PDB file of all heavy atoms in Angstrom:
ATOM      1  N   THR A   1      -6.149   4.988 -26.513  1.00  0.00           N
ATOM      2  CA  THR A   1      -4.980   4.661 -27.261  1.00  0.00           C
ATOM      3  C   THR A   1      -4.960   3.205 -27.716  1.00  0.00           C
ATOM      4  O   THR A   1      -4.413   2.681 -28.701  1.00  0.00           O
ATOM      5  CB  THR A   1      -3.672   4.822 -26.507  1.00  0.00           C
ATOM      6  OG1 THR A   1      -3.531   4.000 -25.473  1.00  0.00           O
ATOM      7  CG2 THR A   1      -3.516   6.282 -26.110  1.00  0.00           C
ATOM      8  N   GLY A   2      -5.633   2.253 -26.926  1.00  0.00           N
ATOM      9  CA  GLY A   2      -5.648   0.814 -27.194  1.00  0.00           C
ATOM     10  C   GLY A   2      -4.334   0.292 -26.844  1.00  0.00           C
ATOM     11  O   GLY A   2      -4.065  -0.994 -26.930  1.00  0.00           O
ATOM     12  N   ARG A   3      -3.370   0.965 -26.288  1.00  0.00           N
ATOM     13  CA  ARG A   3      -2.038   0.501 -25.857  1.00  0.00           C
ATOM     14  C   ARG A   3      -2.224  -0.364 -24.711  1.00  0.00           C
ATOM     15  O   ARG A   3      -2.907  -0.002 -23.746  1.00  0.00           O
ATOM     16  CB  ARG A   3      -1.086   1.675 -25.523  1.00  0.00           C
ATOM     17  CG  ARG A   3       0.299   1.279 -25.239  1.00  0.00           C
ATOM     18  CD  ARG A   3       1.224   2.470 -25.218  1.00  0.00           C
ATOM     19  NE  ARG A   3       0.760   3.576 -24.429  1.00  0.00           N
ATOM     20  CZ  ARG A   3       1.157   4.016 -23.196  1.00  0.00           C
ATOM     21  NH1 ARG A   3       2.048   3.166 -22.569  1.00  0.00           N
ATOM     22  NH2 ARG A   3       0.525   5.024 -22.535  1.00  0.00           N
ATOM     23  N   PRO A   4      -1.784  -1.644 -24.678  1.00  0.00           N
ATOM     24  CA  PRO A   4      -2.058  -2.575 -23.604  1.00  0.00           C
ATOM     25  C   PRO A   4      -1.301  -2.148 -22.337  1.00  0.00           C
ATOM     26  O   PRO A   4      -0.350  -1.393 -22.230  1.00  0.00           O
ATOM     27  CB  PRO A   4      -1.358  -3.891 -24.156  1.00  0.00           C
ATOM     28  CG  PRO A   4      -0.408  -3.501 -25.055  1.00  0.00           C
ATOM     29  CD  PRO A   4      -0.835  -2.197 -25.712  1.00  0.00           C
ATOM     30  N   MET A   5      -1.875  -2.781 -21.229  1.00  0.00           N
ATOM     31  CA  MET A   5      -1.234  -2.500 -19.959  1.00  0.00           C
ATOM     32  C   MET A   5       0.219  -3.034 -19.863  1.00  0.00           C
ATOM     33  O   MET A   5       0.511  -3.748 -20.696  1.00  0.00           O
ATOM     34  CB  MET A   5      -2.047  -3.210 -18.809  1.00  0.00           C
ATOM     35  CG  MET A   5      -3.355  -2.558 -18.570  1.00  0.00           C
ATOM     36  SD  MET A   5      -3.372  -0.971 -17.766  1.00  0.00           S
ATOM     37  CE  MET A   5      -2.521  -1.273 -16.255  1.00  0.00           C
ATOM     38  N   VAL A   6       0.950  -2.577 -18.899  1.00  0.00           N
ATOM     39  CA  VAL A   6       2.387  -3.014 -18.798  1.00  0.00           C
ATOM     40  C   VAL A   6       2.372  -4.491 -18.594  1.00  0.00           C
ATOM     41  O   VAL A   6       1.465  -5.139 -18.095  1.00  0.00           O
ATOM     42  CB  VAL A   6       3.002  -2.240 -17.651  1.00  0.00           C
ATOM     43  CG1 VAL A   6       3.033  -0.829 -18.010  1.00  0.00           C
ATOM     44  CG2 VAL A   6       2.358  -2.571 -16.352  1.00  0.00           C
ATOM     45  N   ASP A   7       3.563  -5.101 -18.800  1.00  0.00           N
ATOM     46  CA  ASP A   7       3.799  -6.390 -18.474  1.00  0.00           C
ATOM     47  C   ASP A   7       4.297  -6.672 -17.049  1.00  0.00           C
ATOM     48  O   ASP A   7       4.528  -5.689 -16.342  1.00  0.00           O
ATOM     49  CB  ASP A   7       4.809  -7.132 -19.471  1.00  0.00           C
ATOM     50  CG  ASP A   7       6.120  -6.565 -19.451  1.00  0.00           C
ATOM     51  OD1 ASP A   7       6.584  -5.971 -18.398  1.00  0.00           O
ATOM     52  OD2 ASP A   7       6.814  -6.683 -20.559  1.00  0.00           O
ATOM     53  N   ALA A   8       4.700  -7.844 -16.671  1.00  0.00           N
ATOM     54  CA  ALA A   8       5.086  -8.175 -15.349  1.00  0.00           C
ATOM     55  C   ALA A   8       6.314  -7.436 -14.936  1.00  0.00           C
ATOM     56  O   ALA A   8       6.506  -7.252 -13.634  1.00  0.00           O
ATOM     57  CB  ALA A   8       5.162  -9.632 -15.133  1.00  0.00           C
ATOM     58  N   ASP A   9       7.228  -7.043 -15.761  1.00  0.00           N
ATOM     59  CA  ASP A   9       8.438  -6.576 -15.360  1.00  0.00           C
ATOM     60  C   ASP A   9       8.423  -4.943 -15.368  1.00  0.00           C
ATOM     61  O   ASP A   9       9.284  -4.300 -15.010  1.00  0.00           O
ATOM     62  CB  ASP A   9       9.687  -7.033 -16.328  1.00  0.00           C
ATOM     63  CG  ASP A   9       9.814  -8.477 -16.200  1.00  0.00           C
ATOM     64  OD1 ASP A   9       9.818  -9.015 -15.028  1.00  0.00           O
ATOM     65  OD2 ASP A   9      10.142  -9.110 -17.195  1.00  0.00           O
ATOM     66  N   ALA A  10       7.366  -4.362 -15.885  1.00  0.00           N
ATOM     67  CA  ALA A  10       7.239  -2.984 -16.039  1.00  0.00           C
ATOM     68  C   ALA A  10       6.775  -2.242 -14.653  1.00  0.00           C
ATOM     69  O   ALA A  10       6.378  -2.968 -13.834  1.00  0.00           O
ATOM     70  CB  ALA A  10       6.285  -2.567 -17.129  1.00  0.00           C
ATOM     71  N   ARG A  11       7.102  -1.084 -14.571  1.00  0.00           N
ATOM     72  CA  ARG A  11       6.685  -0.314 -13.333  1.00  0.00           C
ATOM     73  C   ARG A  11       5.766   0.887 -13.868  1.00  0.00           C
ATOM     74  O   ARG A  11       5.941   1.349 -15.002  1.00  0.00           O
ATOM     75  CB  ARG A  11       7.887   0.288 -12.653  1.00  0.00           C
ATOM     76  CG  ARG A  11       8.740  -0.860 -12.129  1.00  0.00           C
ATOM     77  CD  ARG A  11      10.065  -0.258 -11.402  1.00  0.00           C
ATOM     78  NE  ARG A  11      10.802  -1.256 -11.087  1.00  0.00           N
ATOM     79  CZ  ARG A  11      10.938  -1.726  -9.867  1.00  0.00           C
ATOM     80  NH1 ARG A  11      10.088  -1.318  -8.941  1.00  0.00           N
ATOM     81  NH2 ARG A  11      11.690  -2.739  -9.526  1.00  0.00           N
ATOM     82  N   PHE A  12       4.827   1.312 -12.915  1.00  0.00           N
ATOM     83  CA  PHE A  12       4.014   2.429 -13.339  1.00  0.00           C
ATOM     84  C   PHE A  12       3.618   3.138 -12.102  1.00  0.00           C
ATOM     85  O   PHE A  12       3.734   2.606 -10.907  1.00  0.00           O
ATOM     86  CB  PHE A  12       2.817   2.066 -14.148  1.00  0.00           C
ATOM     87  CG  PHE A  12       1.844   1.083 -13.551  1.00  0.00           C
ATOM     88  CD1 PHE A  12       0.794   1.538 -12.771  1.00  0.00           C
ATOM     89  CD2 PHE A  12       2.153  -0.253 -13.615  1.00  0.00           C
ATOM     90  CE1 PHE A  12      -0.058   0.714 -12.111  1.00  0.00           C
ATOM     91  CE2 PHE A  12       1.246  -1.143 -13.027  1.00  0.00           C
ATOM     92  CZ  PHE A  12       0.244  -0.738 -12.305  1.00  0.00           C
ATOM     93  N   ARG A  13       3.464   4.370 -12.174  1.00  0.00           N
ATOM     94  CA  ARG A  13       3.147   5.271 -11.136  1.00  0.00           C
ATOM     95  C   ARG A  13       1.704   5.205 -10.563  1.00  0.00           C
ATOM     96  O   ARG A  13       0.792   5.332 -11.298  1.00  0.00           O
ATOM     97  CB  ARG A  13       3.565   6.865 -11.505  1.00  0.00           C
ATOM     98  CG  ARG A  13       3.380   7.711 -10.447  1.00  0.00           C
ATOM     99  CD  ARG A  13       3.902   9.039 -11.004  1.00  0.00           C
ATOM    100  NE  ARG A  13       3.264  10.261 -10.408  1.00  0.00           N
ATOM    101  CZ  ARG A  13       3.587  10.746  -9.260  1.00  0.00           C
ATOM    102  NH1 ARG A  13       4.439  10.153  -8.588  1.00  0.00           N
ATOM    103  NH2 ARG A  13       2.920  11.714  -8.819  1.00  0.00           N
ATOM    104  N   LEU A  14       1.579   4.941  -9.374  1.00  0.00           N
ATOM    105  CA  LEU A  14       0.220   4.909  -8.767  1.00  0.00           C
ATOM    106  C   LEU A  14      -0.248   6.215  -8.185  1.00  0.00           C
ATOM    107  O   LEU A  14      -1.354   6.450  -7.794  1.00  0.00           O
ATOM    108  CB  LEU A  14       0.151   3.855  -7.571  1.00  0.00           C
ATOM    109  CG  LEU A  14       0.143   2.457  -8.068  1.00  0.00           C
ATOM    110  CD1 LEU A  14       0.235   1.456  -6.851  1.00  0.00           C
ATOM    111  CD2 LEU A  14      -1.170   2.155  -8.827  1.00  0.00           C
ATOM    112  N   ALA A  15       0.743   7.054  -7.872  1.00  0.00           N
ATOM    113  CA  ALA A  15       0.522   8.492  -7.304  1.00  0.00           C
ATOM    114  C   ALA A  15      -0.306   8.399  -5.972  1.00  0.00           C
ATOM    115  O   ALA A  15       0.120   7.631  -5.088  1.00  0.00           O
ATOM    116  CB  ALA A  15      -0.306   9.338  -8.415  1.00  0.00           C
ATOM    117  N   GLY A  16      -1.338   9.111  -5.917  1.00  0.00           N
ATOM    118  CA  GLY A  16      -2.106   9.192  -4.601  1.00  0.00           C
ATOM    119  C   GLY A  16      -2.756   7.828  -4.209  1.00  0.00           C
ATOM    120  O   GLY A  16      -3.171   7.636  -3.056  1.00  0.00           O
ATOM    121  N   ASP A  17      -2.953   7.029  -5.139  1.00  0.00           N
ATOM    122  CA  ASP A  17      -3.596   5.633  -4.853  1.00  0.00           C
ATOM    123  C   ASP A  17      -2.779   4.826  -3.773  1.00  0.00           C
ATOM    124  O   ASP A  17      -3.273   4.009  -3.152  1.00  0.00           O
ATOM    125  CB  ASP A  17      -3.736   4.830  -6.095  1.00  0.00           C
ATOM    126  CG  ASP A  17      -4.815   5.414  -7.100  1.00  0.00           C
ATOM    127  OD1 ASP A  17      -5.622   6.211  -6.545  1.00  0.00           O
ATOM    128  OD2 ASP A  17      -4.710   5.269  -8.213  1.00  0.00           O
ATOM    129  N   THR A  18      -1.480   5.057  -3.798  1.00  0.00           N
ATOM    130  CA  THR A  18      -0.549   4.337  -2.934  1.00  0.00           C
ATOM    131  C   THR A  18      -0.951   4.489  -1.286  1.00  0.00           C
ATOM    132  O   THR A  18      -0.859   3.525  -0.602  1.00  0.00           O
ATOM    133  CB  THR A  18       0.855   4.612  -2.965  1.00  0.00           C
ATOM    134  OG1 THR A  18       1.083   5.974  -2.781  1.00  0.00           O
ATOM    135  CG2 THR A  18       1.388   4.295  -4.419  1.00  0.00           C
ATOM    136  N   LYS A  19      -1.529   5.602  -1.013  1.00  0.00           N
ATOM    137  CA  LYS A  19      -1.981   5.875   0.395  1.00  0.00           C
ATOM    138  C   LYS A  19      -3.083   4.936   0.788  1.00  0.00           C
ATOM    139  O   LYS A  19      -2.989   4.352   1.817  1.00  0.00           O
ATOM    140  CB  LYS A  19      -2.509   7.366   0.545  1.00  0.00           C
ATOM    141  CG  LYS A  19      -1.608   8.307   0.303  1.00  0.00           C
ATOM    142  CD  LYS A  19      -2.111   9.745   0.598  1.00  0.00           C
ATOM    143  CE  LYS A  19      -1.652  10.800  -0.236  1.00  0.00           C
ATOM    144  NZ  LYS A  19      -1.890  10.752  -1.617  1.00  0.00           N
ATOM    145  N   ALA A  20      -4.037   4.562  -0.063  1.00  0.00           N
ATOM    146  CA  ALA A  20      -5.063   3.601   0.272  1.00  0.00           C
ATOM    147  C   ALA A  20      -4.522   2.234   0.437  1.00  0.00           C
ATOM    148  O   ALA A  20      -4.919   1.488   1.394  1.00  0.00           O
ATOM    149  CB  ALA A  20      -6.090   3.614  -0.791  1.00  0.00           C
ATOM    150  N   PHE A  21      -3.625   1.877  -0.512  1.00  0.00           N
ATOM    151  CA  PHE A  21      -3.038   0.533  -0.341  1.00  0.00           C
ATOM    152  C   PHE A  21      -2.182   0.341   0.884  1.00  0.00           C
ATOM    153  O   PHE A  21      -2.149  -0.658   1.638  1.00  0.00           O
ATOM    154  CB  PHE A  21      -2.092   0.270  -1.590  1.00  0.00           C
ATOM    155  CG  PHE A  21      -2.871  -0.017  -2.894  1.00  0.00           C
ATOM    156  CD1 PHE A  21      -2.780   0.949  -3.890  1.00  0.00           C
ATOM    157  CD2 PHE A  21      -3.620  -1.105  -2.984  1.00  0.00           C
ATOM    158  CE1 PHE A  21      -3.455   0.654  -5.127  1.00  0.00           C
ATOM    159  CE2 PHE A  21      -4.296  -1.326  -4.161  1.00  0.00           C
ATOM    160  CZ  PHE A  21      -4.249  -0.420  -5.221  1.00  0.00           C
ATOM    161  N   THR A  22      -1.410   1.392   1.236  1.00  0.00           N
ATOM    162  CA  THR A  22      -0.579   1.338   2.356  1.00  0.00           C
ATOM    163  C   THR A  22      -1.457   1.351   3.585  1.00  0.00           C
ATOM    164  O   THR A  22      -1.217   0.528   4.539  1.00  0.00           O
ATOM    165  CB  THR A  22       0.386   2.592   2.390  1.00  0.00           C
ATOM    166  OG1 THR A  22       1.162   2.693   1.383  1.00  0.00           O
ATOM    167  CG2 THR A  22       1.260   2.581   3.750  1.00  0.00           C
ATOM    168  N   ALA A  23      -2.403   2.109   3.681  1.00  0.00           N
ATOM    169  CA  ALA A  23      -3.411   2.205   4.888  1.00  0.00           C
ATOM    170  C   ALA A  23      -4.018   0.792   5.070  1.00  0.00           C
ATOM    171  O   ALA A  23      -4.235   0.318   6.157  1.00  0.00           O
ATOM    172  CB  ALA A  23      -4.476   3.200   4.717  1.00  0.00           C
ATOM    173  N   THR A  24      -4.452   0.186   3.984  1.00  0.00           N
ATOM    174  CA  THR A  24      -5.068  -1.152   4.077  1.00  0.00           C
ATOM    175  C   THR A  24      -4.064  -2.175   4.658  1.00  0.00           C
ATOM    176  O   THR A  24      -4.543  -2.951   5.423  1.00  0.00           O
ATOM    177  CB  THR A  24      -5.568  -1.536   2.682  1.00  0.00           C
ATOM    178  OG1 THR A  24      -6.593  -0.617   2.189  1.00  0.00           O
ATOM    179  CG2 THR A  24      -6.253  -2.886   2.727  1.00  0.00           C
ATOM    180  N   ALA A  25      -2.918  -2.180   4.186  1.00  0.00           N
ATOM    181  CA  ALA A  25      -1.800  -3.100   4.635  1.00  0.00           C
ATOM    182  C   ALA A  25      -1.600  -2.946   6.120  1.00  0.00           C
ATOM    183  O   ALA A  25      -1.488  -3.793   6.930  1.00  0.00           O
ATOM    184  CB  ALA A  25      -0.639  -2.971   3.809  1.00  0.00           C
ATOM    185  N   VAL A  26      -1.480  -1.622   6.581  1.00  0.00           N
ATOM    186  CA  VAL A  26      -1.200  -1.330   7.954  1.00  0.00           C
ATOM    187  C   VAL A  26      -2.318  -1.714   8.790  1.00  0.00           C
ATOM    188  O   VAL A  26      -2.274  -2.352   9.867  1.00  0.00           O
ATOM    189  CB  VAL A  26      -0.913   0.148   8.127  1.00  0.00           C
ATOM    190  CG1 VAL A  26      -0.976   0.593   9.629  1.00  0.00           C
ATOM    191  CG2 VAL A  26       0.462   0.504   7.514  1.00  0.00           C
ATOM    192  N   MET A  27      -3.635  -1.513   8.398  1.00  0.00           N
ATOM    193  CA  MET A  27      -4.812  -1.961   9.151  1.00  0.00           C
ATOM    194  C   MET A  27      -4.883  -3.528   9.192  1.00  0.00           C
ATOM    195  O   MET A  27      -5.412  -4.029  10.135  1.00  0.00           O
ATOM    196  CB  MET A  27      -6.046  -1.331   8.472  1.00  0.00           C
ATOM    197  CG  MET A  27      -6.151   0.226   8.713  1.00  0.00           C
ATOM    198  SD  MET A  27      -5.924   0.728  10.376  1.00  0.00           S
ATOM    199  CE  MET A  27      -7.446   0.019  11.221  1.00  0.00           C
ATOM    200  N   ARG A  28      -4.509  -4.160   8.248  1.00  0.00           N
ATOM    201  CA  ARG A  28      -4.398  -5.616   8.286  1.00  0.00           C
ATOM    202  C   ARG A  28      -3.442  -6.053   9.476  1.00  0.00           C
ATOM    203  O   ARG A  28      -3.774  -6.983  10.211  1.00  0.00           O
ATOM    204  CB  ARG A  28      -4.057  -6.246   7.016  1.00  0.00           C
ATOM    205  CG  ARG A  28      -5.131  -6.161   6.019  1.00  0.00           C
ATOM    206  CD  ARG A  28      -4.818  -6.906   4.706  1.00  0.00           C
ATOM    207  NE  ARG A  28      -4.887  -8.364   5.037  1.00  0.00           N
ATOM    208  CZ  ARG A  28      -4.815  -9.250   4.063  1.00  0.00           C
ATOM    209  NH1 ARG A  28      -4.714  -8.861   2.743  1.00  0.00           N
ATOM    210  NH2 ARG A  28      -4.790 -10.530   4.363  1.00  0.00           N
ATOM    211  N   LEU A  29      -2.269  -5.373   9.455  1.00  0.00           N
ATOM    212  CA  LEU A  29      -1.389  -5.639  10.491  1.00  0.00           C
ATOM    213  C   LEU A  29      -1.867  -5.368  11.953  1.00  0.00           C
ATOM    214  O   LEU A  29      -1.613  -6.002  12.937  1.00  0.00           O
ATOM    215  CB  LEU A  29      -0.082  -4.817  10.345  1.00  0.00           C
ATOM    216  CG  LEU A  29       0.773  -5.370   8.948  1.00  0.00           C
ATOM    217  CD1 LEU A  29       1.897  -4.415   8.762  1.00  0.00           C
ATOM    218  CD2 LEU A  29       1.198  -6.808   9.175  1.00  0.00           C
ATOM    219  N   VAL A  30      -2.668  -4.158  12.071  1.00  0.00           N
ATOM    220  CA  VAL A  30      -3.361  -3.852  13.178  1.00  0.00           C
ATOM    221  C   VAL A  30      -4.335  -4.967  13.663  1.00  0.00           C
ATOM    222  O   VAL A  30      -4.273  -5.386  14.718  1.00  0.00           O
ATOM    223  CB  VAL A  30      -4.152  -2.489  13.103  1.00  0.00           C
ATOM    224  CG1 VAL A  30      -4.997  -2.268  14.338  1.00  0.00           C
ATOM    225  CG2 VAL A  30      -3.084  -1.319  12.974  1.00  0.00           C
ATOM    226  N   ALA A  31      -5.081  -5.464  12.775  1.00  0.00           N
ATOM    227  CA  ALA A  31      -6.091  -6.438  12.971  1.00  0.00           C
ATOM    228  C   ALA A  31      -5.336  -7.780  13.498  1.00  0.00           C
ATOM    229  O   ALA A  31      -5.931  -8.526  14.174  1.00  0.00           O
ATOM    230  CB  ALA A  31      -6.888  -6.853  11.734  1.00  0.00           C
ATOM    231  N   GLU A  32      -4.176  -8.070  12.943  1.00  0.00           N
ATOM    232  CA  GLU A  32      -3.429  -9.221  13.358  1.00  0.00           C
ATOM    233  C   GLU A  32      -2.572  -9.112  14.638  1.00  0.00           C
ATOM    234  O   GLU A  32      -1.955  -9.949  15.193  1.00  0.00           O
ATOM    235  CB  GLU A  32      -2.443  -9.555  12.276  1.00  0.00           C
ATOM    236  CG  GLU A  32      -3.040 -10.135  10.966  1.00  0.00           C
ATOM    237  CD  GLU A  32      -2.100 -10.319   9.848  1.00  0.00           C
ATOM    238  OE1 GLU A  32      -0.878 -10.204  10.102  1.00  0.00           O
ATOM    239  OE2 GLU A  32      -2.576 -10.493   8.684  1.00  0.00           O
ATOM    240  N   GLY A  33      -2.730  -7.805  15.300  1.00  0.00           N
ATOM    241  CA  GLY A  33      -2.057  -7.493  16.506  1.00  0.00           C
ATOM    242  C   GLY A  33      -0.532  -7.214  16.296  1.00  0.00           C
ATOM    243  O   GLY A  33       0.142  -7.282  17.307  1.00  0.00           O
ATOM    244  N   LYS A  34      -0.066  -7.069  15.081  1.00  0.00           N
ATOM    245  CA  LYS A  34       1.337  -6.734  14.847  1.00  0.00           C
ATOM    246  C   LYS A  34       1.736  -5.327  14.939  1.00  0.00           C
ATOM    247  O   LYS A  34       2.918  -4.897  15.004  1.00  0.00           O
ATOM    248  CB  LYS A  34       1.682  -7.428  13.461  1.00  0.00           C
ATOM    249  CG  LYS A  34       1.631  -8.929  13.543  1.00  0.00           C
ATOM    250  CD  LYS A  34       1.983  -9.480  12.114  1.00  0.00           C
ATOM    251  CE  LYS A  34       1.739 -10.909  12.136  1.00  0.00           C
ATOM    252  NZ  LYS A  34       1.966 -11.519  10.868  1.00  0.00           N
ATOM    253  N   VAL A  35       0.719  -4.393  14.724  1.00  0.00           N
ATOM    254  CA  VAL A  35       0.950  -2.923  14.753  1.00  0.00           C
ATOM    255  C   VAL A  35      -0.158  -2.341  15.648  1.00  0.00           C
ATOM    256  O   VAL A  35      -1.276  -2.793  15.547  1.00  0.00           O
ATOM    257  CB  VAL A  35       0.802  -2.357  13.356  1.00  0.00           C
ATOM    258  CG1 VAL A  35       0.943  -0.899  13.499  1.00  0.00           C
ATOM    259  CG2 VAL A  35       2.014  -2.921  12.473  1.00  0.00           C
ATOM    260  N   ARG A  36       0.261  -1.390  16.459  1.00  0.00           N
ATOM    261  CA  ARG A  36      -0.753  -0.631  17.301  1.00  0.00           C
ATOM    262  C   ARG A  36      -0.887   0.794  16.769  1.00  0.00           C
ATOM    263  O   ARG A  36       0.098   1.398  16.445  1.00  0.00           O
ATOM    264  CB  ARG A  36      -0.237  -0.579  18.755  1.00  0.00           C
ATOM    265  CG  ARG A  36      -0.217  -1.931  19.396  1.00  0.00           C
ATOM    266  CD  ARG A  36       0.136  -1.894  20.972  1.00  0.00           C
ATOM    267  NE  ARG A  36       0.495  -0.433  21.402  1.00  0.00           N
ATOM    268  CZ  ARG A  36       1.680  -0.111  21.833  1.00  0.00           C
ATOM    269  NH1 ARG A  36       2.701  -0.997  22.015  1.00  0.00           N
ATOM    270  NH2 ARG A  36       1.883   1.106  22.225  1.00  0.00           N
ATOM    271  N   LEU A  37      -2.139   1.154  16.568  1.00  0.00           N
ATOM    272  CA  LEU A  37      -2.479   2.566  15.956  1.00  0.00           C
ATOM    273  C   LEU A  37      -1.942   3.625  16.871  1.00  0.00           C
ATOM    274  O   LEU A  37      -1.430   4.624  16.285  1.00  0.00           O
ATOM    275  CB  LEU A  37      -3.829   2.736  15.775  1.00  0.00           C
ATOM    276  CG  LEU A  37      -4.514   1.899  14.585  1.00  0.00           C
ATOM    277  CD1 LEU A  37      -6.042   2.107  14.624  1.00  0.00           C
ATOM    278  CD2 LEU A  37      -3.874   2.342  13.319  1.00  0.00           C
ATOM    279  N   ASP A  38      -2.011   3.550  18.222  1.00  0.00           N
ATOM    280  CA  ASP A  38      -1.523   4.667  19.042  1.00  0.00           C
ATOM    281  C   ASP A  38      -0.050   4.457  19.542  1.00  0.00           C
ATOM    282  O   ASP A  38       0.336   5.284  20.407  1.00  0.00           O
ATOM    283  CB  ASP A  38      -2.496   4.731  20.190  1.00  0.00           C
ATOM    284  CG  ASP A  38      -3.922   5.198  19.691  1.00  0.00           C
ATOM    285  OD1 ASP A  38      -3.987   6.138  18.773  1.00  0.00           O
ATOM    286  OD2 ASP A  38      -4.943   4.625  20.182  1.00  0.00           O
ATOM    287  N   ALA A  39       0.691   3.510  18.988  1.00  0.00           N
ATOM    288  CA  ALA A  39       2.049   3.426  19.246  1.00  0.00           C
ATOM    289  C   ALA A  39       2.867   4.471  18.527  1.00  0.00           C
ATOM    290  O   ALA A  39       2.461   4.938  17.334  1.00  0.00           O
ATOM    291  CB  ALA A  39       2.489   2.076  18.876  1.00  0.00           C
ATOM    292  N   PRO A  40       4.056   4.914  19.070  1.00  0.00           N
ATOM    293  CA  PRO A  40       4.872   5.809  18.344  1.00  0.00           C
ATOM    294  C   PRO A  40       5.327   5.131  17.036  1.00  0.00           C
ATOM    295  O   PRO A  40       5.756   3.966  17.004  1.00  0.00           O
ATOM    296  CB  PRO A  40       6.080   6.049  19.213  1.00  0.00           C
ATOM    297  CG  PRO A  40       5.601   5.628  20.634  1.00  0.00           C
ATOM    298  CD  PRO A  40       4.484   4.575  20.378  1.00  0.00           C
ATOM    299  N   ALA A  41       5.227   5.885  15.952  1.00  0.00           N
ATOM    300  CA  ALA A  41       5.614   5.326  14.579  1.00  0.00           C
ATOM    301  C   ALA A  41       7.108   5.011  14.568  1.00  0.00           C
ATOM    302  O   ALA A  41       7.369   4.067  13.758  1.00  0.00           O
ATOM    303  CB  ALA A  41       5.265   6.426  13.511  1.00  0.00           C
ATOM    304  N   GLY A  42       7.928   5.574  15.318  1.00  0.00           N
ATOM    305  CA  GLY A  42       9.301   5.267  15.376  1.00  0.00           C
ATOM    306  C   GLY A  42       9.663   3.879  15.683  1.00  0.00           C
ATOM    307  O   GLY A  42      10.653   3.362  15.368  1.00  0.00           O
ATOM    308  N   GLY A  43       8.755   3.119  16.356  1.00  0.00           N
ATOM    309  CA  GLY A  43       8.978   1.771  16.541  1.00  0.00           C
ATOM    310  C   GLY A  43       8.887   0.814  15.352  1.00  0.00           C
ATOM    311  O   GLY A  43       9.302  -0.264  15.347  1.00  0.00           O
TER     312      GLY A  43
END
């Protein structure tokens, strides 16, 4: 289409890609010792 990407104020759906972003962020917290993988998620 040639339609440009959204600007800074726009939102767009990432769909299944959000799982990878979330997992990466959580694993960074694990590496920093702020989250434990085998801890109950309720914490």
